[in-house]
C-alpha atoms as a PDB file:
ATOM      1  CA  MET A   1     115.627 185.062 173.046  1.00  0.00           C
ATOM      2  CA  LEU A   2     117.266 181.667 173.312  1.00  0.00           C
ATOM      3  CA  LYS A   3     117.048 181.844 177.108  1.00  0.00           C
ATOM      4  CA  GLN A   4     113.304 182.568 176.978  1.00  0.00           C
ATOM      5  CA  PHE A   5     112.765 179.663 174.601  1.00  0.00           C
ATOM      6  CA  LEU A   6     114.582 177.288 176.978  1.00  0.00           C
ATOM      7  CA  TYR A   7     112.414 178.486 179.899  1.00  0.00           C
ATOM      8  CA  ILE A   8     109.228 177.785 177.910  1.00  0.00           C
ATOM      9  CA  LEU A   9     110.502 174.330 176.859  1.00  0.00           C
ATOM     10  CA  ALA A  10     111.315 173.418 180.482  1.00  0.00           C
ATOM     11  CA  ALA A  11     107.853 174.552 181.665  1.00  0.00           C
ATOM     12  CA  LEU A  12     106.133 172.442 179.015  1.00  0.00           C
ATOM     13  CA  SER A  13     108.227 169.422 179.967  1.00  0.00           C
ATOM     14  CA  LEU A  14     107.357 169.843 183.666  1.00  0.00           C
ATOM     15  CA  THR A  15     103.598 170.149 182.885  1.00  0.00           C
ATOM     16  CA  SER A  16     103.727 166.981 180.796  1.00  0.00           C
ATOM     17  CA  CYS A  17     105.309 165.030 183.653  1.00  0.00           C
ATOM     18  CA  VAL A  18     102.691 166.200 186.149  1.00  0.00           C
ATOM     19  CA  ASP A  19      99.760 165.196 183.898  1.00  0.00           C
ATOM     20  CA  LYS A  20     101.223 161.767 183.275  1.00  0.00           C
ATOM     21  CA  THR A  21     101.667 161.133 187.019  1.00  0.00           C
ATOM     22  CA  ASN A  22      98.049 162.085 187.796  1.00  0.00           C
ATOM     23  CA  SER A  23      96.774 159.852 185.015  1.00  0.00           C
ATOM     24  CA  THR A  24      98.683 156.876 186.431  1.00  0.00           C
ATOM     25  CA  LYS A  25      97.325 157.440 189.904  1.00  0.00           C
ATOM     26  CA  GLY A  26      93.781 157.576 188.544  1.00  0.00           C
ATOM     27  CA  THR A  27      94.220 154.276 186.713  1.00  0.00           C
ATOM     28  CA  ASN A  28      95.532 152.519 189.808  1.00  0.00           C
ATOM     29  CA  LYS A  29      92.573 153.791 191.807  1.00  0.00           C
ATOM     30  CA  ASP A  30      90.085 152.489 189.246  1.00  0.00           C
ATOM     31  CA  SER A  31      91.794 149.093 189.108  1.00  0.00           C
ATOM     32  CA  ALA A  32      91.755 148.739 192.868  1.00  0.00           C
ATOM     33  CA  SER A  33      88.078 149.680 193.010  1.00  0.00           C
ATOM     34  CA  SER A  34      87.210 147.151 190.288  1.00  0.00           C
ATOM     35  CA  SER A  35      89.235 144.434 192.016  1.00  0.00           C
ATOM     36  CA  GLN A  36      87.491 145.111 195.311  1.00  0.00           C
ATOM     37  CA  GLN A  37      84.066 144.842 193.648  1.00  0.00           C
ATOM     38  CA  ASP A  38      84.937 141.522 191.999  1.00  0.00           C
ATOM     39  CA  THR A  39      86.158 140.146 195.317  1.00  0.00           C
ATOM     40  CA  SER A  40      82.902 141.093 197.016  1.00  0.00           C
ATOM     41  CA  ILE A  41      81.013 139.047 194.430  1.00  0.00           C
ATOM     42  CA  THR A  42      83.233 135.987 194.522  1.00  0.00           C
ATOM     43  CA  ASN A  43      83.338 135.988 198.323  1.00  0.00           C
ATOM     44  CA  ASN A  44      79.540 136.095 198.525  1.00  0.00           C
ATOM     45  CA  PHE A  45      78.292 132.895 200.189  1.00  0.00           C
ATOM     46  CA  ASP A  46      75.309 132.487 197.831  1.00  0.00           C
ATOM     47  CA  TYR A  47      77.587 132.950 194.825  1.00  0.00           C
ATOM     48  CA  GLN A  48      79.969 130.269 196.126  1.00  0.00           C
ATOM     49  CA  ILE A  49      77.050 127.858 196.585  1.00  0.00           C
ATOM     50  CA  GLU A  50      75.953 128.456 192.999  1.00  0.00           C
ATOM     51  CA  GLN A  51      79.470 127.809 191.712  1.00  0.00           C
ATOM     52  CA  LYS A  52      79.532 124.562 193.677  1.00  0.00           C
ATOM     53  CA  TYR A  53      76.376 123.363 191.955  1.00  0.00           C
ATOM     54  CA  LEU A  54      77.646 124.565 188.565  1.00  0.00           C
ATOM     55  CA  LYS A  55      80.812 122.530 189.051  1.00  0.00           C
ATOM     56  CA  ARG A  56      78.771 119.418 189.806  1.00  0.00           C
ATOM     57  CA  LYS A  57      76.553 120.132 186.805  1.00  0.00           C
ATOM     58  CA  ARG A  58      79.589 120.218 184.508  1.00  0.00           C
ATOM     59  CA  LEU A  59      80.744 116.831 185.783  1.00  0.00           C
ATOM     60  CA  LEU A  60      77.259 115.328 185.419  1.00  0.00           C
ATOM     61  CA  SER A  61      77.059 116.700 181.870  1.00  0.00           C
ATOM     62  CA  GLU A  62      80.203 114.746 181.045  1.00  0.00           C
ATOM     63  CA  ARG A  63      78.810 111.580 182.662  1.00  0.00           C
ATOM     64  CA  LEU A  64      75.588 111.947 180.652  1.00  0.00           C
ATOM     65  CA  ALA A  65      77.497 112.666 177.411  1.00  0.00           C
ATOM     66  CA  LEU A  66      76.029 116.175 177.127  1.00  0.00           C
ATOM     67  CA  LEU A  67      77.773 119.199 175.652  1.00  0.00           C
ATOM     68  CA  ASP A  68      78.688 121.984 178.057  1.00  0.00           C
ATOM     69  CA  LEU A  69      76.211 124.808 177.399  1.00  0.00           C
ATOM     70  CA  GLU A  70      78.635 127.325 178.879  1.00  0.00           C
ATOM     71  CA  LYS A  71      80.784 126.874 175.774  1.00  0.00           C
ATOM     72  CA  GLY A  72      77.964 128.024 173.507  1.00  0.00           C
ATOM     73  CA  THR A  73      75.445 126.479 171.106  1.00  0.00           C
ATOM     74  CA  ASN A  74      74.415 127.091 167.515  1.00  0.00           C
ATOM     75  CA  ASP A  75      70.719 127.107 168.412  1.00  0.00           C
ATOM     76  CA  PHE A  76      68.604 127.710 171.482  1.00  0.00           C
ATOM     77  CA  GLU A  77      68.892 125.151 174.290  1.00  0.00           C
ATOM     78  CA  LEU A  78      67.489 125.163 177.801  1.00  0.00           C
ATOM     79  CA  ARG A  79      68.140 122.753 180.673  1.00  0.00           C
ATOM     80  CA  ILE A  80      66.548 122.466 184.094  1.00  0.00           C
ATOM     81  CA  TRP A  81      68.417 120.372 186.625  1.00  0.00           C
ATOM     82  CA  TYR A  82      66.484 119.222 189.701  1.00  0.00           C
ATOM     83  CA  ILE A  83      69.230 118.533 192.217  1.00  0.00           C
ATOM     84  CA  PRO A  84      68.139 116.774 195.438  1.00  0.00           C
ATOM     85  CA  SER A  85      70.205 117.174 198.575  1.00  0.00           C
ATOM     86  CA  MET A  86      69.984 113.657 200.021  1.00  0.00           C
ATOM     87  CA  TRP A  87      68.025 111.383 197.711  1.00  0.00           C
ATOM     88  CA  ASP A  88      67.778 110.020 194.183  1.00  0.00           C
ATOM     89  CA  PRO A  89      66.827 110.243 191.387  1.00  0.00           C
ATOM     90  CA  SER A  90      67.865 113.553 189.893  1.00  0.00           C
ATOM     91  CA  ILE A  91      65.709 114.990 187.113  1.00  0.00           C
ATOM     92  CA  LEU A  92      66.807 116.879 184.018  1.00  0.00           C
ATOM     93  CA  TYR A  93      64.717 118.497 181.273  1.00  0.00           C
ATOM     94  CA  ILE A  94      66.306 119.592 178.001  1.00  0.00           C
ATOM     95  CA  LEU A  95      64.448 121.796 175.510  1.00  0.00           C
ATOM     96  CA  LYS A  96      66.174 122.322 172.171  1.00  0.00           C
ATOM     97  CA  ALA A  97      65.379 124.255 169.010  1.00  0.00           C
ATOM     98  CA  ASN A  98      66.644 123.219 165.608  1.00  0.00           C
ATOM     99  CA  ASN A  99      65.533 125.940 163.201  1.00  0.00           C
ATOM    100  CA  SER A 100      61.746 125.862 163.711  1.00  0.00           C
ATOM    101  CA  THR A 101      61.650 122.335 165.178  1.00  0.00           C
ATOM    102  CA  TRP A 102      61.482 121.801 168.943  1.00  0.00           C
ATOM    103  CA  ASN A 103      62.524 118.754 170.934  1.00  0.00           C
ATOM    104  CA  LEU A 104      62.095 118.058 174.637  1.00  0.00           C
ATOM    105  CA  TYR A 105      63.895 115.357 176.634  1.00  0.00           C
ATOM    106  CA  HIS A 106      63.313 114.064 180.120  1.00  0.00           C
ATOM    107  CA  TYR A 107      66.160 112.436 182.078  1.00  0.00           C
ATOM    108  CA  GLN A 108      65.955 110.572 185.344  1.00  0.00           C
ATOM    109  CA  PHE A 109      69.275 109.382 186.707  1.00  0.00           C
ATOM    110  CA  TYR A 110      70.702 107.815 189.840  1.00  0.00           C
ATOM    111  CA  THR A 111      74.163 108.478 191.231  1.00  0.00           C
ATOM    112  CA  LEU A 112      76.360 105.932 192.944  1.00  0.00           C
ATOM    113  CA  THR A 113      76.643 106.071 196.722  1.00  0.00           C
ATOM    114  CA  VAL A 114      80.291 105.951 197.683  1.00  0.00           C
ATOM    115  CA  THR A 115      82.110 105.887 201.005  1.00  0.00           C
ATOM    116  CA  GLU A 116      83.859 109.188 200.343  1.00  0.00           C
ATOM    117  CA  PRO A 117      81.247 111.969 200.802  1.00  0.00           C
ATOM    118  CA  ASN A 118      83.175 114.454 198.667  1.00  0.00           C
ATOM    119  CA  HIS A 119      82.589 112.250 195.629  1.00  0.00           C
ATOM    120  CA  PHE A 120      79.008 113.515 195.546  1.00  0.00           C
ATOM    121  CA  TRP A 121      80.379 116.903 194.472  1.00  0.00           C
ATOM    122  CA  ASP A 122      83.910 116.326 193.265  1.00  0.00           C
ATOM    123  CA  ASN A 123      83.341 113.167 191.252  1.00  0.00           C
ATOM    124  CA  PRO A 124      79.644 112.251 190.852  1.00  0.00           C
ATOM    125  CA  LEU A 125      79.183 108.875 189.215  1.00  0.00           C
ATOM    126  CA  VAL A 126      76.005 108.054 187.291  1.00  0.00           C
ATOM    127  CA  ASP A 127      74.762 104.586 188.141  1.00  0.00           C
ATOM    128  CA  SER A 128      71.765 104.388 185.810  1.00  0.00           C
ATOM    129  CA  VAL A 129      69.770 106.731 183.618  1.00  0.00           C
ATOM    130  CA  VAL A 130      66.429 106.734 181.816  1.00  0.00           C
ATOM    131  CA  MET A 131      65.991 109.211 178.974  1.00  0.00           C
ATOM    132  CA  GLU A 132      62.860 109.722 176.891  1.00  0.00           C
ATOM    133  CA  SER A 133      61.704 112.141 174.244  1.00  0.00           C
ATOM    134  CA  VAL A 134      58.485 113.860 175.340  1.00  0.00           C
ATOM    135  CA  ARG A 135      56.011 116.288 173.827  1.00  0.00           C
ATOM    136  CA  PRO A 136      52.982 118.341 174.869  1.00  0.00           C
ATOM    137  CA  GLN A 137      49.936 116.098 175.136  1.00  0.00           C
ATOM    138  CA  LYS A 138      46.900 118.333 174.609  1.00  0.00           C
ATOM    139  CA  ILE A 139      48.283 121.466 172.975  1.00  0.00           C
ATOM    140  CA  SER A 140      50.360 122.184 169.877  1.00  0.00           C
ATOM    141  CA  TRP A 141      54.081 122.850 169.970  1.00  0.00           C
ATOM    142  CA  SER A 142      53.510 126.470 168.928  1.00  0.00           C
ATOM    143  CA  THR A 143      51.087 127.063 171.818  1.00  0.00           C
ATOM    144  CA  TYR A 144      53.402 125.233 174.201  1.00  0.00           C
ATOM    145  CA  ILE A 145      56.419 127.381 173.268  1.00  0.00           C
ATOM    146  CA  LYS A 146      54.341 130.569 173.349  1.00  0.00           C
ATOM    147  CA  ASN A 147      53.149 129.787 176.890  1.00  0.00           C
ATOM    148  CA  LEU A 148      56.753 129.322 178.065  1.00  0.00           C
ATOM    149  CA  GLN A 149      57.637 132.967 177.266  1.00  0.00           C
ATOM    150  CA  LEU A 150      61.279 132.006 176.935  1.00  0.00           C
ATOM    151  CA  ASN A 151      62.502 135.582 176.389  1.00  0.00           C
ATOM    152  CA  THR A 152      61.420 136.564 179.907  1.00  0.00           C
ATOM    153  CA  LEU A 153      63.879 134.084 181.446  1.00  0.00           C
ATOM    154  CA  TRP A 154      66.832 136.263 180.413  1.00  0.00           C
ATOM    155  CA  LYS A 155      65.491 138.996 182.701  1.00  0.00           C
ATOM    156  CA  LEU A 156      65.255 136.894 185.866  1.00  0.00           C
ATOM    157  CA  GLN A 157      67.846 137.162 188.634  1.00  0.00           C
ATOM    158  CA  THR A 158      69.705 134.252 190.169  1.00  0.00           C
ATOM    159  CA  GLU A 159      69.728 133.973 193.975  1.00  0.00           C
ATOM    160  CA  SER A 160      73.191 135.450 194.481  1.00  0.00           C
ATOM    161  CA  SER A 161      72.057 138.632 192.685  1.00  0.00           C
ATOM    162  CA  ILE A 162      68.960 139.119 194.847  1.00  0.00           C
ATOM    163  CA  LYS A 163      69.836 141.597 197.589  1.00  0.00           C
ATOM    164  CA  GLY A 164      68.509 141.530 201.144  1.00  0.00           C
ATOM    165  CA  LYS A 165      66.957 138.055 201.082  1.00  0.00           C
ATOM    166  CA  LYS A 166      68.129 134.605 202.150  1.00  0.00           C
ATOM    167  CA  PHE A 167      66.865 131.315 200.743  1.00  0.00           C
ATOM    168  CA  SER A 168      68.933 128.710 202.598  1.00  0.00           C
ATOM    169  CA  VAL A 169      67.301 125.514 203.917  1.00  0.00           C
ATOM    170  CA  ASN A 170      68.648 122.511 205.819  1.00  0.00           C
ATOM    171  CA  ASP A 171      67.166 119.989 203.409  1.00  0.00           C
ATOM    172  CA  GLY A 172      65.344 120.041 200.102  1.00  0.00           C
ATOM    173  CA  TYR A 173      66.252 120.435 196.459  1.00  0.00           C
ATOM    174  CA  ARG A 174      67.711 123.089 194.190  1.00  0.00           C
ATOM    175  CA  CYS A 175      66.928 123.986 190.607  1.00  0.00           C
ATOM    176  CA  LEU A 176      69.584 125.052 188.152  1.00  0.00           C
ATOM    177  CA  LEU A 177      68.313 126.483 184.895  1.00  0.00           C
ATOM    178  CA  GLU A 178      70.679 127.017 181.961  1.00  0.00           C
ATOM    179  CA  LEU A 179      70.003 129.081 178.851  1.00  0.00           C
ATOM    180  CA  SER A 180      72.175 129.107 175.765  1.00  0.00           C
ATOM    181  CA  ASP A 181      71.431 130.807 172.466  1.00  0.00           C
ATOM    182  CA  LYS A 182      73.979 131.542 169.753  1.00  0.00           C
ATOM    183  CA  GLY A 183      76.812 132.585 172.047  1.00  0.00           C
ATOM    184  CA  LYS A 184      74.646 133.927 174.882  1.00  0.00           C
ATOM    185  CA  TYR A 185      74.641 131.961 178.134  1.00  0.00           C
ATOM    186  CA  LYS A 186      72.902 132.451 181.453  1.00  0.00           C
ATOM    187  CA  TYR A 187      72.208 130.343 184.518  1.00  0.00           C
ATOM    188  CA  LEU A 188      69.584 130.761 187.231  1.00  0.00           C
ATOM    189  CA  PHE A 189      69.835 129.006 190.582  1.00  0.00           C
ATOM    190  CA  TYR A 190      66.901 128.628 192.991  1.00  0.00           C
ATOM    191  CA  THR A 191      66.546 126.916 196.366  1.00  0.00           C
ATOM    192  CA  MET A 192      63.174 125.227 196.926  1.00  0.00           C
ATOM    193  CA  PRO A 193      61.428 127.596 194.480  1.00  0.00           C
ATOM    194  CA  GLU A 194      57.897 126.531 195.455  1.00  0.00           C
ATOM    195  CA  TYR A 195      58.699 127.163 199.109  1.00  0.00           C
ATOM    196  CA  ASN A 196      60.276 130.570 198.412  1.00  0.00           C
ATOM    197  CA  GLN A 197      57.923 131.862 195.707  1.00  0.00           C
ATOM    198  CA  GLY A 198      55.988 133.928 198.244  1.00  0.00           C
ATOM    199  CA  LYS A 199      59.216 135.638 199.295  1.00  0.00           C
ATOM    200  CA  ASP A 200      60.658 136.574 195.908  1.00  0.00           C
ATOM    201  CA  ILE A 201      59.258 137.372 192.453  1.00  0.00           C
ATOM    202  CA  ASN A 202      62.107 135.534 190.666  1.00  0.00           C
ATOM    203  CA  HIS A 203      61.249 132.265 192.414  1.00  0.00           C
ATOM    204  CA  LYS A 204      57.576 132.802 191.637  1.00  0.00           C
ATOM    205  CA  LYS A 205      58.187 133.399 187.932  1.00  0.00           C
ATOM    206  CA  PHE A 206      60.479 130.392 187.774  1.00  0.00           C
ATOM    207  CA  VAL A 207      57.762 128.158 189.318  1.00  0.00           C
ATOM    208  CA  GLU A 208      55.255 129.473 186.780  1.00  0.00           C
ATOM    209  CA  PHE A 209      57.677 128.704 183.956  1.00  0.00           C
ATOM    210  CA  LYS A 210      58.440 125.245 185.333  1.00  0.00           C
ATOM    211  CA  ASN A 211      54.732 124.427 185.497  1.00  0.00           C
ATOM    212  CA  HIS A 212      54.259 125.535 181.878  1.00  0.00           C
ATOM    213  CA  LEU A 213      57.195 123.334 180.900  1.00  0.00           C
ATOM    214  CA  VAL A 214      56.297 120.168 182.802  1.00  0.00           C
ATOM    215  CA  ASP A 215      52.510 119.984 183.259  1.00  0.00           C
ATOM    216  CA  PRO A 216      51.561 119.662 179.549  1.00  0.00           C
ATOM    217  CA  ILE A 217      53.925 116.707 178.996  1.00  0.00           C
ATOM    218  CA  ILE A 218      52.914 114.537 181.963  1.00  0.00           C
ATOM    219  CA  TYR A 219      51.303 111.278 180.856  1.00  0.00           C
ATOM    220  CA  LYS A 220      50.564 107.883 182.340  1.00  0.00           C
ATOM    221  CA  GLY A 221      53.748 105.844 182.372  1.00  0.00           C
ATOM    222  CA  MET A 222      56.143 108.765 182.317  1.00  0.00           C
ATOM    223  CA  HIS A 223      59.257 108.133 184.398  1.00  0.00           C
ATOM    224  CA  ASN A 224      58.692 110.862 186.954  1.00  0.00           C
ATOM    225  CA  PRO A 225      59.400 110.534 190.685  1.00  0.00           C
END
């Protein structure tokens, strides 16, 4: 009887060891697959371009004394950066909600030209800036905000997530849109959106949104390029 009991105990011990080994192999396989997927994203050329512009945006935010939206906000805040490739000024729109009150700001800023070309990305210096508070001219704030359809922006795709299409150009400007709302953050990056709106629905919807944002606030004397 004792001998039979020892045989059963040994069999159970062997089965336990086999299961544990298989489980470990499965975990390693999953980890390797996940790592490979992450690498494919980070090595994507469009993704690297977006990260380059995000890095410059963070530095410009510091120069303009703006909080980093990527760290979160208590209320809704949206920013659109118009980033030219070879000219100044750069344009920035900031739309903020404070409870039920909305505020919209328009920035126009120039960066210093330096002898070291990398400074444009690695250390952008703001030479001068004009900032003004703006508002819709011929419609109410409630109608203005309703026309923006802000919730739809969370569903748009940034360029690096759009498969099978290329949006590179030799010259032009890029738009970087940031959304932050109570811990949620998203960015959208578009190359020459007006030029590419016929090629991609995300560019088209962004252009429509941009027009709803900008057109109602244009007035004589506004500092717009």
